[in-house]
Amino acid sequence: MAVSHRYQRQKFRLGQKYSVLWLLVWAATVNVFSLTSGLAQSPTLPPPDDIPEEILRTEIILEGRSPVDGEPLTATEYTELMEALAENPNPPQLSPRIRHLVFLLKVRKFFRTLLPFL
């Protein structure tokens, strides 16, 4: 009786090995088929009304957005705004309290790079 029990255990282990091997082969086959199915598809052509990128690169952009509030501007309005911003020699001043807070944030960021666990 002990011999047949040992034989059954060996047979069960052998069956487990073959089932694991079969599962690996099946997974590899599915993986290969899924990869090759993507390669077998032919590339599609763009729609006929799509403008090629080469032509879009050569177009002159005649509109822009304001860096102040993001509203659309014409080319002349954009250049006038940029000139007005460049002419201002004094940038807007921040209050001393806000400057101090920015300084403290920079110090905190510096210490966090040195001691990241804080």
PDB file of N, CA and C in Angstrom:
ATOM      1  N   MET A   1       0.812  -1.187   0.000  1.00  0.00           N
ATOM      2  CA  MET A   1       0.000   0.000   0.000  1.00  0.00           C
ATOM      3  C   MET A   1       0.861   1.259   0.000  1.00  0.00           C
ATOM      4  N   ALA A   2       1.987   1.196   0.702  1.00  0.00           N
ATOM      5  CA  ALA A   2       2.869   2.350   0.782  1.00  0.00           C
ATOM      6  C   ALA A   2       3.509   2.633  -0.562  1.00  0.00           C
ATOM      7  N   VAL A   3       3.749   1.617  -1.348  1.00  0.00           N
ATOM      8  CA  VAL A   3       4.359   1.809  -2.657  1.00  0.00           C
ATOM      9  C   VAL A   3       3.386   2.532  -3.583  1.00  0.00           C
ATOM     10  N   SER A   4       2.160   2.149  -3.557  1.00  0.00           N
ATOM     11  CA  SER A   4       1.197   2.802  -4.438  1.00  0.00           C
ATOM     12  C   SER A   4       0.969   4.255  -4.018  1.00  0.00           C
ATOM     13  N   HIS A   5       1.023   4.531  -2.702  1.00  0.00           N
ATOM     14  CA  HIS A   5       0.861   5.913  -2.238  1.00  0.00           C
ATOM     15  C   HIS A   5       2.037   6.770  -2.699  1.00  0.00           C
ATOM     16  N   ARG A   6       3.251   6.232  -2.592  1.00  0.00           N
ATOM     17  CA  ARG A   6       4.435   6.957  -3.051  1.00  0.00           C
ATOM     18  C   ARG A   6       4.366   7.166  -4.561  1.00  0.00           C
ATOM     19  N   TYR A   7       3.923   6.156  -5.287  1.00  0.00           N
ATOM     20  CA  TYR A   7       3.799   6.268  -6.741  1.00  0.00           C
ATOM     21  C   TYR A   7       2.781   7.348  -7.117  1.00  0.00           C
ATOM     22  N   GLN A   8       1.679   7.406  -6.374  1.00  0.00           N
ATOM     23  CA  GLN A   8       0.669   8.417  -6.654  1.00  0.00           C
ATOM     24  C   GLN A   8       1.199   9.821  -6.382  1.00  0.00           C
ATOM     25  N   ARG A   9       1.989   9.992  -5.297  1.00  0.00           N
ATOM     26  CA  ARG A   9       2.572  11.302  -5.012  1.00  0.00           C
ATOM     27  C   ARG A   9       3.527  11.715  -6.115  1.00  0.00           C
ATOM     28  N   GLN A  10       4.360  10.789  -6.595  1.00  0.00           N
ATOM     29  CA  GLN A  10       5.290  11.117  -7.676  1.00  0.00           C
ATOM     30  C   GLN A  10       4.520  11.447  -8.949  1.00  0.00           C
ATOM     31  N   LYS A  11       3.471  10.704  -9.208  1.00  0.00           N
ATOM     32  CA  LYS A  11       2.657  10.959 -10.388  1.00  0.00           C
ATOM     33  C   LYS A  11       1.986  12.330 -10.288  1.00  0.00           C
ATOM     34  N   PHE A  12       1.519  12.703  -9.094  1.00  0.00           N
ATOM     35  CA  PHE A  12       0.894  14.004  -8.889  1.00  0.00           C
ATOM     36  C   PHE A  12       1.906  15.124  -9.104  1.00  0.00           C
ATOM     37  N   ARG A  13       3.132  14.964  -8.556  1.00  0.00           N
ATOM     38  CA  ARG A  13       4.173  15.976  -8.749  1.00  0.00           C
ATOM     39  C   ARG A  13       4.534  16.109 -10.222  1.00  0.00           C
ATOM     40  N   LEU A  14       4.622  14.989 -10.910  1.00  0.00           N
ATOM     41  CA  LEU A  14       4.940  15.020 -12.332  1.00  0.00           C
ATOM     42  C   LEU A  14       3.828  15.729 -13.104  1.00  0.00           C
ATOM     43  N   GLY A  15       2.587  15.475 -12.720  1.00  0.00           N
ATOM     44  CA  GLY A  15       1.467  16.164 -13.354  1.00  0.00           C
ATOM     45  C   GLY A  15       1.504  17.657 -13.098  1.00  0.00           C
ATOM     46  N   GLN A  16       1.913  18.060 -11.891  1.00  0.00           N
ATOM     47  CA  GLN A  16       2.047  19.481 -11.586  1.00  0.00           C
ATOM     48  C   GLN A  16       3.119  20.115 -12.455  1.00  0.00           C
ATOM     49  N   LYS A  17       4.239  19.435 -12.623  1.00  0.00           N
ATOM     50  CA  LYS A  17       5.324  19.986 -13.438  1.00  0.00           C
ATOM     51  C   LYS A  17       4.857  20.182 -14.873  1.00  0.00           C
ATOM     52  N   TYR A  18       4.149  19.185 -15.407  1.00  0.00           N
ATOM     53  CA  TYR A  18       3.685  19.310 -16.782  1.00  0.00           C
ATOM     54  C   TYR A  18       2.627  20.397 -16.927  1.00  0.00           C
ATOM     55  N   SER A  19       1.784  20.567 -15.921  1.00  0.00           N
ATOM     56  CA  SER A  19       0.763  21.612 -16.020  1.00  0.00           C
ATOM     57  C   SER A  19       1.403  22.996 -15.950  1.00  0.00           C
ATOM     58  N   VAL A  20       2.437  23.164 -15.127  1.00  0.00           N
ATOM     59  CA  VAL A  20       3.140  24.443 -15.066  1.00  0.00           C
ATOM     60  C   VAL A  20       3.858  24.695 -16.381  1.00  0.00           C
ATOM     61  N   LEU A  21       4.495  23.657 -16.923  1.00  0.00           N
ATOM     62  CA  LEU A  21       5.179  23.797 -18.209  1.00  0.00           C
ATOM     63  C   LEU A  21       4.177  24.139 -19.307  1.00  0.00           C
ATOM     64  N   TRP A  22       3.029  23.467 -19.316  1.00  0.00           N
ATOM     65  CA  TRP A  22       2.007  23.757 -20.322  1.00  0.00           C
ATOM     66  C   TRP A  22       1.502  25.184 -20.184  1.00  0.00           C
ATOM     67  N   LEU A  23       1.328  25.669 -18.952  1.00  0.00           N
ATOM     68  CA  LEU A  23       0.874  27.031 -18.718  1.00  0.00           C
ATOM     69  C   LEU A  23       1.897  28.043 -19.233  1.00  0.00           C
ATOM     70  N   LEU A  24       3.181  27.788 -19.018  1.00  0.00           N
ATOM     71  CA  LEU A  24       4.222  28.694 -19.510  1.00  0.00           C
ATOM     72  C   LEU A  24       4.254  28.726 -21.037  1.00  0.00           C
ATOM     73  N   VAL A  25       4.141  27.561 -21.663  1.00  0.00           N
ATOM     74  CA  VAL A  25       4.136  27.507 -23.129  1.00  0.00           C
ATOM     75  C   VAL A  25       2.916  28.236 -23.671  1.00  0.00           C
ATOM     76  N   TRP A  26       1.774  28.032 -23.055  1.00  0.00           N
ATOM     77  CA  TRP A  26       0.554  28.700 -23.501  1.00  0.00           C
ATOM     78  C   TRP A  26       0.681  30.215 -23.365  1.00  0.00           C
ATOM     79  N   ALA A  27       1.219  30.696 -22.233  1.00  0.00           N
ATOM     80  CA  ALA A  27       1.376  32.139 -22.025  1.00  0.00           C
ATOM     81  C   ALA A  27       2.348  32.730 -23.040  1.00  0.00           C
ATOM     82  N   ALA A  28       3.438  32.024 -23.326  1.00  0.00           N
ATOM     83  CA  ALA A  28       4.401  32.525 -24.308  1.00  0.00           C
ATOM     84  C   ALA A  28       3.771  32.578 -25.695  1.00  0.00           C
ATOM     85  N   THR A  29       2.972  31.585 -26.041  1.00  0.00           N
ATOM     86  CA  THR A  29       2.323  31.567 -27.352  1.00  0.00           C
ATOM     87  C   THR A  29       1.336  32.724 -27.483  1.00  0.00           C
ATOM     88  N   VAL A  30       0.552  32.947 -26.460  1.00  0.00           N
ATOM     89  CA  VAL A  30      -0.403  34.057 -26.488  1.00  0.00           C
ATOM     90  C   VAL A  30       0.337  35.378 -26.602  1.00  0.00           C
ATOM     91  N   ASN A  31       1.441  35.506 -25.887  1.00  0.00           N
ATOM     92  CA  ASN A  31       2.229  36.732 -25.926  1.00  0.00           C
ATOM     93  C   ASN A  31       2.797  36.961 -27.323  1.00  0.00           C
ATOM     94  N   VAL A  32       3.326  35.925 -27.950  1.00  0.00           N
ATOM     95  CA  VAL A  32       3.894  36.063 -29.294  1.00  0.00           C
ATOM     96  C   VAL A  32       2.809  36.433 -30.293  1.00  0.00           C
ATOM     97  N   PHE A  33       1.644  35.796 -30.203  1.00  0.00           N
ATOM     98  CA  PHE A  33       0.569  36.116 -31.138  1.00  0.00           C
ATOM     99  C   PHE A  33       0.055  37.537 -30.947  1.00  0.00           C
ATOM    100  N   SER A  34      -0.002  37.993 -29.707  1.00  0.00           N
ATOM    101  CA  SER A  34      -0.483  39.360 -29.488  1.00  0.00           C
ATOM    102  C   SER A  34       0.524  40.378 -30.005  1.00  0.00           C
ATOM    103  N   LEU A  35       1.818  40.083 -29.900  1.00  0.00           N
ATOM    104  CA  LEU A  35       2.826  41.014 -30.412  1.00  0.00           C
ATOM    105  C   LEU A  35       2.843  41.042 -31.935  1.00  0.00           C
ATOM    106  N   THR A  36       2.726  39.874 -32.557  1.00  0.00           N
ATOM    107  CA  THR A  36       2.790  39.838 -34.017  1.00  0.00           C
ATOM    108  C   THR A  36       1.515  40.365 -34.655  1.00  0.00           C
ATOM    109  N   SER A  37       0.387  40.302 -33.956  1.00  0.00           N
ATOM    110  CA  SER A  37      -0.838  40.838 -34.551  1.00  0.00           C
ATOM    111  C   SER A  37      -0.745  42.352 -34.681  1.00  0.00           C
ATOM    112  N   GLY A  38      -0.067  43.007 -33.752  1.00  0.00           N
ATOM    113  CA  GLY A  38       0.130  44.451 -33.850  1.00  0.00           C
ATOM    114  C   GLY A  38       1.068  44.816 -34.978  1.00  0.00           C
ATOM    115  N   LEU A  39       2.037  43.951 -35.265  1.00  0.00           N
ATOM    116  CA  LEU A  39       2.979  44.227 -36.344  1.00  0.00           C
ATOM    117  C   LEU A  39       2.362  43.977 -37.716  1.00  0.00           C
ATOM    118  N   ALA A  40       1.380  43.094 -37.770  1.00  0.00           N
ATOM    119  CA  ALA A  40       0.799  42.736 -39.057  1.00  0.00           C
ATOM    120  C   ALA A  40      -0.146  43.805 -39.585  1.00  0.00           C
ATOM    121  N   GLN A  41      -0.601  44.706 -38.734  1.00  0.00           N
ATOM    122  CA  GLN A  41      -1.530  45.731 -39.187  1.00  0.00           C
ATOM    123  C   GLN A  41      -0.792  46.742 -40.049  1.00  0.00           C
ATOM    124  N   SER A  42      -1.417  47.119 -41.128  1.00  0.00           N
ATOM    125  CA  SER A  42      -0.790  48.106 -42.005  1.00  0.00           C
ATOM    126  C   SER A  42      -1.072  49.504 -41.470  1.00  0.00           C
ATOM    127  N   PRO A  43      -0.127  50.420 -41.643  1.00  0.00           N
ATOM    128  CA  PRO A  43      -0.363  51.783 -41.166  1.00  0.00           C
ATOM    129  C   PRO A  43      -1.458  52.452 -41.993  1.00  0.00           C
ATOM    130  N   THR A  44      -2.255  53.256 -41.333  1.00  0.00           N
ATOM    131  CA  THR A  44      -3.339  53.933 -42.041  1.00  0.00           C
ATOM    132  C   THR A  44      -2.858  55.281 -42.552  1.00  0.00           C
ATOM    133  N   LEU A  45      -3.452  55.714 -43.619  1.00  0.00           N
ATOM    134  CA  LEU A  45      -3.115  57.009 -44.189  1.00  0.00           C
ATOM    135  C   LEU A  45      -3.891  58.101 -43.470  1.00  0.00           C
ATOM    136  N   PRO A  46      -3.337  59.308 -43.403  1.00  0.00           N
ATOM    137  CA  PRO A  46      -4.075  60.395 -42.757  1.00  0.00           C
ATOM    138  C   PRO A  46      -5.279  60.786 -43.605  1.00  0.00           C
ATOM    139  N   PRO A  47      -6.266  61.425 -42.999  1.00  0.00           N
ATOM    140  CA  PRO A  47      -7.430  61.848 -43.780  1.00  0.00           C
ATOM    141  C   PRO A  47      -7.018  62.862 -44.845  1.00  0.00           C
ATOM    142  N   PRO A  48      -7.753  62.938 -45.957  1.00  0.00           N
ATOM    143  CA  PRO A  48      -7.349  63.826 -47.053  1.00  0.00           C
ATOM    144  C   PRO A  48      -7.375  65.305 -46.688  1.00  0.00           C
ATOM    145  N   ASP A  49      -8.189  65.701 -45.705  1.00  0.00           N
ATOM    146  CA  ASP A  49      -8.238  67.120 -45.350  1.00  0.00           C
ATOM    147  C   ASP A  49      -7.170  67.509 -44.326  1.00  0.00           C
ATOM    148  N   ASP A  50      -6.334  66.558 -43.908  1.00  0.00           N
ATOM    149  CA  ASP A  50      -5.268  66.833 -42.945  1.00  0.00           C
ATOM    150  C   ASP A  50      -4.108  67.544 -43.647  1.00  0.00           C
ATOM    151  N   ILE A  51      -3.655  68.660 -43.062  1.00  0.00           N
ATOM    152  CA  ILE A  51      -2.551  69.430 -43.649  1.00  0.00           C
ATOM    153  C   ILE A  51      -1.238  68.810 -43.189  1.00  0.00           C
ATOM    154  N   PRO A  52      -0.313  68.513 -44.107  1.00  0.00           N
ATOM    155  CA  PRO A  52       0.959  67.909 -43.715  1.00  0.00           C
ATOM    156  C   PRO A  52       1.762  68.824 -42.793  1.00  0.00           C
ATOM    157  N   GLU A  53       2.572  68.208 -41.946  1.00  0.00           N
ATOM    158  CA  GLU A  53       3.358  68.958 -40.972  1.00  0.00           C
ATOM    159  C   GLU A  53       4.387  69.852 -41.648  1.00  0.00           C
ATOM    160  N   GLU A  54       4.906  69.431 -42.785  1.00  0.00           N
ATOM    161  CA  GLU A  54       5.900  70.236 -43.493  1.00  0.00           C
ATOM    162  C   GLU A  54       5.318  71.578 -43.923  1.00  0.00           C
ATOM    163  N   ILE A  55       4.056  71.570 -44.326  1.00  0.00           N
ATOM    164  CA  ILE A  55       3.408  72.815 -44.739  1.00  0.00           C
ATOM    165  C   ILE A  55       3.090  73.669 -43.515  1.00  0.00           C
ATOM    166  N   LEU A  56       2.668  73.032 -42.432  1.00  0.00           N
ATOM    167  CA  LEU A  56       2.345  73.788 -41.224  1.00  0.00           C
ATOM    168  C   LEU A  56       3.573  74.488 -40.652  1.00  0.00           C
ATOM    169  N   ARG A  57       4.749  73.897 -40.812  1.00  0.00           N
ATOM    170  CA  ARG A  57       5.972  74.521 -40.303  1.00  0.00           C
ATOM    171  C   ARG A  57       6.319  75.799 -41.045  1.00  0.00           C
ATOM    172  N   THR A  58       5.937  75.901 -42.311  1.00  0.00           N
ATOM    173  CA  THR A  58       6.301  77.073 -43.102  1.00  0.00           C
ATOM    174  C   THR A  58       5.286  78.206 -42.981  1.00  0.00           C
ATOM    175  N   GLU A  59       4.134  77.951 -42.343  1.00  0.00           N
ATOM    176  CA  GLU A  59       3.129  79.002 -42.212  1.00  0.00           C
ATOM    177  C   GLU A  59       3.581  80.042 -41.197  1.00  0.00           C
ATOM    178  N   ILE A  60       3.272  81.291 -41.471  1.00  0.00           N
ATOM    179  CA  ILE A  60       3.594  82.379 -40.562  1.00  0.00           C
ATOM    180  C   ILE A  60       2.440  82.536 -39.584  1.00  0.00           C
ATOM    181  N   ILE A  61       2.764  82.541 -38.314  1.00  0.00           N
ATOM    182  CA  ILE A  61       1.733  82.660 -37.283  1.00  0.00           C
ATOM    183  C   ILE A  61       1.394  84.132 -37.109  1.00  0.00           C
ATOM    184  N   LEU A  62       0.135  84.472 -37.302  1.00  0.00           N
ATOM    185  CA  LEU A  62      -0.301  85.864 -37.245  1.00  0.00           C
ATOM    186  C   LEU A  62      -1.072  86.201 -35.973  1.00  0.00           C
ATOM    187  N   GLU A  63      -1.246  85.268 -35.092  1.00  0.00           N
ATOM    188  CA  GLU A  63      -1.951  85.557 -33.855  1.00  0.00           C
ATOM    189  C   GLU A  63      -1.132  85.013 -32.691  1.00  0.00           C
ATOM    190  N   GLY A  64      -1.420  85.527 -31.533  1.00  0.00           N
ATOM    191  CA  GLY A  64      -0.706  85.102 -30.335  1.00  0.00           C
ATOM    192  C   GLY A  64      -1.580  85.279 -29.116  1.00  0.00           C
ATOM    193  N   ARG A  65      -1.035  84.944 -27.977  1.00  0.00           N
ATOM    194  CA  ARG A  65      -1.762  85.095 -26.719  1.00  0.00           C
ATOM    195  C   ARG A  65      -0.985  86.025 -25.808  1.00  0.00           C
ATOM    196  N   SER A  66      -1.721  86.803 -25.073  1.00  0.00           N
ATOM    197  CA  SER A  66      -1.125  87.762 -24.152  1.00  0.00           C
ATOM    198  C   SER A  66      -0.445  87.021 -23.006  1.00  0.00           C
ATOM    199  N   PRO A  67       0.814  87.372 -22.683  1.00  0.00           N
ATOM    200  CA  PRO A  67       1.457  86.730 -21.536  1.00  0.00           C
ATOM    201  C   PRO A  67       0.893  87.219 -20.209  1.00  0.00           C
ATOM    202  N   VAL A  68       0.127  88.302 -20.242  1.00  0.00           N
ATOM    203  CA  VAL A  68      -0.428  88.862 -19.008  1.00  0.00           C
ATOM    204  C   VAL A  68      -1.694  88.122 -18.594  1.00  0.00           C
ATOM    205  N   ASP A  69      -2.678  88.056 -19.513  1.00  0.00           N
ATOM    206  CA  ASP A  69      -3.950  87.437 -19.153  1.00  0.00           C
ATOM    207  C   ASP A  69      -4.370  86.301 -20.076  1.00  0.00           C
ATOM    208  N   GLY A  70      -3.601  86.000 -21.118  1.00  0.00           N
ATOM    209  CA  GLY A  70      -3.880  84.860 -21.985  1.00  0.00           C
ATOM    210  C   GLY A  70      -4.929  85.088 -23.044  1.00  0.00           C
ATOM    211  N   GLU A  71      -5.373  86.309 -23.256  1.00  0.00           N
ATOM    212  CA  GLU A  71      -6.393  86.557 -24.282  1.00  0.00           C
ATOM    213  C   GLU A  71      -5.739  86.599 -25.667  1.00  0.00           C
ATOM    214  N   PRO A  72      -6.473  86.227 -26.720  1.00  0.00           N
ATOM    215  CA  PRO A  72      -5.906  86.235 -28.072  1.00  0.00           C
ATOM    216  C   PRO A  72      -5.590  87.656 -28.540  1.00  0.00           C
ATOM    217  N   LEU A  73      -4.456  87.807 -29.212  1.00  0.00           N
ATOM    218  CA  LEU A  73      -4.025  89.104 -29.732  1.00  0.00           C
ATOM    219  C   LEU A  73      -3.600  88.954 -31.180  1.00  0.00           C
ATOM    220  N   THR A  74      -3.690  90.051 -31.926  1.00  0.00           N
ATOM    221  CA  THR A  74      -3.135  90.057 -33.276  1.00  0.00           C
ATOM    222  C   THR A  74      -1.633  90.262 -33.162  1.00  0.00           C
ATOM    223  N   ALA A  75      -0.942  90.159 -34.296  1.00  0.00           N
ATOM    224  CA  ALA A  75       0.513  90.295 -34.275  1.00  0.00           C
ATOM    225  C   ALA A  75       0.935  91.690 -33.831  1.00  0.00           C
ATOM    226  N   THR A  76       0.232  92.730 -34.300  1.00  0.00           N
ATOM    227  CA  THR A  76       0.611  94.095 -33.911  1.00  0.00           C
ATOM    228  C   THR A  76       0.326  94.347 -32.434  1.00  0.00           C
ATOM    229  N   GLU A  77      -0.817  93.859 -31.945  1.00  0.00           N
ATOM    230  CA  GLU A  77      -1.118  94.024 -30.524  1.00  0.00           C
ATOM    231  C   GLU A  77      -0.095  93.298 -29.659  1.00  0.00           C
ATOM    232  N   TYR A  78       0.323  92.129 -30.112  1.00  0.00           N
ATOM    233  CA  TYR A  78       1.307  91.356 -29.357  1.00  0.00           C
ATOM    234  C   TYR A  78       2.643  92.095 -29.288  1.00  0.00           C
ATOM    235  N   THR A  79       3.113  92.639 -30.421  1.00  0.00           N
ATOM    236  CA  THR A  79       4.391  93.360 -30.404  1.00  0.00           C
ATOM    237  C   THR A  79       4.288  94.621 -29.550  1.00  0.00           C
ATOM    238  N   GLU A  80       3.150  95.333 -29.621  1.00  0.00           N
ATOM    239  CA  GLU A  80       2.976  96.520 -28.783  1.00  0.00           C
ATOM    240  C   GLU A  80       3.004  96.157 -27.299  1.00  0.00           C
ATOM    241  N   LEU A  81       2.348  95.078 -26.944  1.00  0.00           N
ATOM    242  CA  LEU A  81       2.333  94.657 -25.547  1.00  0.00           C
ATOM    243  C   LEU A  81       3.727  94.250 -25.080  1.00  0.00           C
ATOM    244  N   MET A  82       4.461  93.518 -25.921  1.00  0.00           N
ATOM    245  CA  MET A  82       5.813  93.100 -25.540  1.00  0.00           C
ATOM    246  C   MET A  82       6.741  94.302 -25.401  1.00  0.00           C
ATOM    247  N   GLU A  83       6.589  95.303 -26.268  1.00  0.00           N
ATOM    248  CA  GLU A  83       7.397  96.521 -26.145  1.00  0.00           C
ATOM    249  C   GLU A  83       7.048  97.267 -24.863  1.00  0.00           C
ATOM    250  N   ALA A  84       5.766  97.347 -24.549  1.00  0.00           N
ATOM    251  CA  ALA A  84       5.355  98.039 -23.323  1.00  0.00           C
ATOM    252  C   ALA A  84       5.886  97.320 -22.085  1.00  0.00           C
ATOM    253  N   LEU A  85       5.887  96.003 -22.117  1.00  0.00           N
ATOM    254  CA  LEU A  85       6.419  95.256 -20.980  1.00  0.00           C
ATOM    255  C   LEU A  85       7.933  95.400 -20.875  1.00  0.00           C
ATOM    256  N   ALA A  86       8.614  95.498 -22.025  1.00  0.00           N
ATOM    257  CA  ALA A  86      10.071  95.642 -22.012  1.00  0.00           C
ATOM    258  C   ALA A  86      10.488  97.042 -21.583  1.00  0.00           C
ATOM    259  N   GLU A  87       9.676  98.066 -21.866  1.00  0.00           N
ATOM    260  CA  GLU A  87      10.017  99.442 -21.525  1.00  0.00           C
ATOM    261  C   GLU A  87       9.923  99.713 -20.032  1.00  0.00           C
ATOM    262  N   ASN A  88       9.157  98.948 -19.309  1.00  0.00           N
ATOM    263  CA  ASN A  88       8.982  99.190 -17.881  1.00  0.00           C
ATOM    264  C   ASN A  88      10.278  98.823 -17.152  1.00  0.00           C
ATOM    265  N   PRO A  89      11.072  99.820 -16.705  1.00  0.00           N
ATOM    266  CA  PRO A  89      12.344  99.500 -16.059  1.00  0.00           C
ATOM    267  C   PRO A  89      12.164  98.988 -14.632  1.00  0.00           C
ATOM    268  N   ASN A  90      11.073  99.338 -14.006  1.00  0.00           N
ATOM    269  CA  ASN A  90      10.838  98.920 -12.624  1.00  0.00           C
ATOM    270  C   ASN A  90       9.800  97.809 -12.589  1.00  0.00           C
ATOM    271  N   PRO A  91      10.240  96.601 -12.321  1.00  0.00           N
ATOM    272  CA  PRO A  91       9.247  95.530 -12.203  1.00  0.00           C
ATOM    273  C   PRO A  91       8.395  95.764 -10.962  1.00  0.00           C
ATOM    274  N   PRO A  92       7.225  95.188 -10.911  1.00  0.00           N
ATOM    275  CA  PRO A  92       6.367  95.396  -9.742  1.00  0.00           C
ATOM    276  C   PRO A  92       7.072  94.923  -8.469  1.00  0.00           C
ATOM    277  N   GLN A  93       6.976  95.735  -7.431  1.00  0.00           N
ATOM    278  CA  GLN A  93       7.641  95.431  -6.165  1.00  0.00           C
ATOM    279  C   GLN A  93       6.732  94.574  -5.282  1.00  0.00           C
ATOM    280  N   LEU A  94       7.350  93.624  -4.604  1.00  0.00           N
ATOM    281  CA  LEU A  94       6.624  92.789  -3.658  1.00  0.00           C
ATOM    282  C   LEU A  94       6.761  93.379  -2.269  1.00  0.00           C
ATOM    283  N   SER A  95       5.791  93.085  -1.446  1.00  0.00           N
ATOM    284  CA  SER A  95       5.876  93.572  -0.068  1.00  0.00           C
ATOM    285  C   SER A  95       7.005  92.834   0.655  1.00  0.00           C
ATOM    286  N   PRO A  96       7.599  93.461   1.650  1.00  0.00           N
ATOM    287  CA  PRO A  96       8.702  92.815   2.376  1.00  0.00           C
ATOM    288  C   PRO A  96       8.285  91.499   3.027  1.00  0.00           C
ATOM    289  N   ARG A  97       7.043  91.414   3.451  1.00  0.00           N
ATOM    290  CA  ARG A  97       6.574  90.169   4.080  1.00  0.00           C
ATOM    291  C   ARG A  97       6.580  89.018   3.070  1.00  0.00           C
ATOM    292  N   ILE A  98       6.111  89.284   1.854  1.00  0.00           N
ATOM    293  CA  ILE A  98       6.095  88.236   0.824  1.00  0.00           C
ATOM    294  C   ILE A  98       7.519  87.867   0.432  1.00  0.00           C
ATOM    295  N   ARG A  99       8.408  88.860   0.313  1.00  0.00           N
ATOM    296  CA  ARG A  99       9.809  88.563   0.002  1.00  0.00           C
ATOM    297  C   ARG A  99      10.428  87.674   1.076  1.00  0.00           C
ATOM    298  N   HIS A 100      10.100  87.954   2.335  1.00  0.00           N
ATOM    299  CA  HIS A 100      10.625  87.150   3.436  1.00  0.00           C
ATOM    300  C   HIS A 100      10.083  85.719   3.368  1.00  0.00           C
ATOM    301  N   LEU A 101       8.792  85.562   3.029  1.00  0.00           N
ATOM    302  CA  LEU A 101       8.212  84.223   2.892  1.00  0.00           C
ATOM    303  C   LEU A 101       8.868  83.444   1.759  1.00  0.00           C
ATOM    304  N   VAL A 102       9.144  84.113   0.653  1.00  0.00           N
ATOM    305  CA  VAL A 102       9.811  83.451  -0.475  1.00  0.00           C
ATOM    306  C   VAL A 102      11.211  83.013  -0.057  1.00  0.00           C
ATOM    307  N   PHE A 103      11.914  83.876   0.684  1.00  0.00           N
ATOM    308  CA  PHE A 103      13.244  83.525   1.174  1.00  0.00           C
ATOM    309  C   PHE A 103      13.180  82.300   2.081  1.00  0.00           C
ATOM    310  N   LEU A 104      12.203  82.266   2.984  1.00  0.00           N
ATOM    311  CA  LEU A 104      12.070  81.118   3.880  1.00  0.00           C
ATOM    312  C   LEU A 104      11.741  79.839   3.113  1.00  0.00           C
ATOM    313  N   LEU A 105      10.924  79.952   2.072  1.00  0.00           N
ATOM    314  CA  LEU A 105      10.619  78.774   1.252  1.00  0.00           C
ATOM    315  C   LEU A 105      11.860  78.261   0.535  1.00  0.00           C
ATOM    316  N   LYS A 106      12.697  79.173   0.054  1.00  0.00           N
ATOM    317  CA  LYS A 106      13.939  78.754  -0.601  1.00  0.00           C
ATOM    318  C   LYS A 106      14.883  78.079   0.384  1.00  0.00           C
ATOM    319  N   VAL A 107      14.962  78.620   1.600  1.00  0.00           N
ATOM    320  CA  VAL A 107      15.800  77.995   2.633  1.00  0.00           C
ATOM    321  C   VAL A 107      15.267  76.608   2.969  1.00  0.00           C
ATOM    322  N   ARG A 108      13.943  76.494   3.098  1.00  0.00           N
ATOM    323  CA  ARG A 108      13.331  75.193   3.390  1.00  0.00           C
ATOM    324  C   ARG A 108      13.617  74.186   2.282  1.00  0.00           C
ATOM    325  N   LYS A 109      13.524  74.627   1.035  1.00  0.00           N
ATOM    326  CA  LYS A 109      13.803  73.742  -0.095  1.00  0.00           C
ATOM    327  C   LYS A 109      15.262  73.293  -0.075  1.00  0.00           C
ATOM    328  N   PHE A 110      16.175  74.206   0.272  1.00  0.00           N
ATOM    329  CA  PHE A 110      17.589  73.856   0.348  1.00  0.00           C
ATOM    330  C   PHE A 110      17.824  72.790   1.414  1.00  0.00           C
ATOM    331  N   PHE A 111      17.219  72.969   2.598  1.00  0.00           N
ATOM    332  CA  PHE A 111      17.408  71.985   3.657  1.00  0.00           C
ATOM    333  C   PHE A 111      16.751  70.652   3.322  1.00  0.00           C
ATOM    334  N   ARG A 112      15.665  70.678   2.581  1.00  0.00           N
ATOM    335  CA  ARG A 112      15.025  69.415   2.185  1.00  0.00           C
ATOM    336  C   ARG A 112      15.885  68.633   1.204  1.00  0.00           C
ATOM    337  N   THR A 113      16.697  69.318   0.393  1.00  0.00           N
ATOM    338  CA  THR A 113      17.598  68.578  -0.496  1.00  0.00           C
ATOM    339  C   THR A 113      18.709  67.916   0.299  1.00  0.00           C
ATOM    340  N   LEU A 114      19.142  68.561   1.377  1.00  0.00           N
ATOM    341  CA  LEU A 114      20.191  67.972   2.214  1.00  0.00           C
ATOM    342  C   LEU A 114      19.636  66.912   3.158  1.00  0.00           C
ATOM    343  N   LEU A 115      18.484  67.179   3.732  1.00  0.00           N
ATOM    344  CA  LEU A 115      17.872  66.277   4.711  1.00  0.00           C
ATOM    345  C   LEU A 115      16.453  65.937   4.258  1.00  0.00           C
ATOM    346  N   PRO A 116      16.291  64.971   3.365  1.00  0.00           N
ATOM    347  CA  PRO A 116      14.963  64.700   2.788  1.00  0.00           C
ATOM    348  C   PRO A 116      13.963  64.122   3.778  1.00  0.00           C
ATOM    349  N   PHE A 117      14.419  63.613   4.907  1.00  0.00           N
ATOM    350  CA  PHE A 117      13.492  63.001   5.862  1.00  0.00           C
ATOM    351  C   PHE A 117      12.800  64.024   6.746  1.00  0.00           C
ATOM    352  N   LEU A 118      13.152  65.306   6.641  1.00  0.00           N
ATOM    353  CA  LEU A 118      12.486  66.340   7.447  1.00  0.00           C
ATOM    354  C   LEU A 118      11.151  66.719   6.863  1.00  0.00           C
TER     355      LEU A 118
END
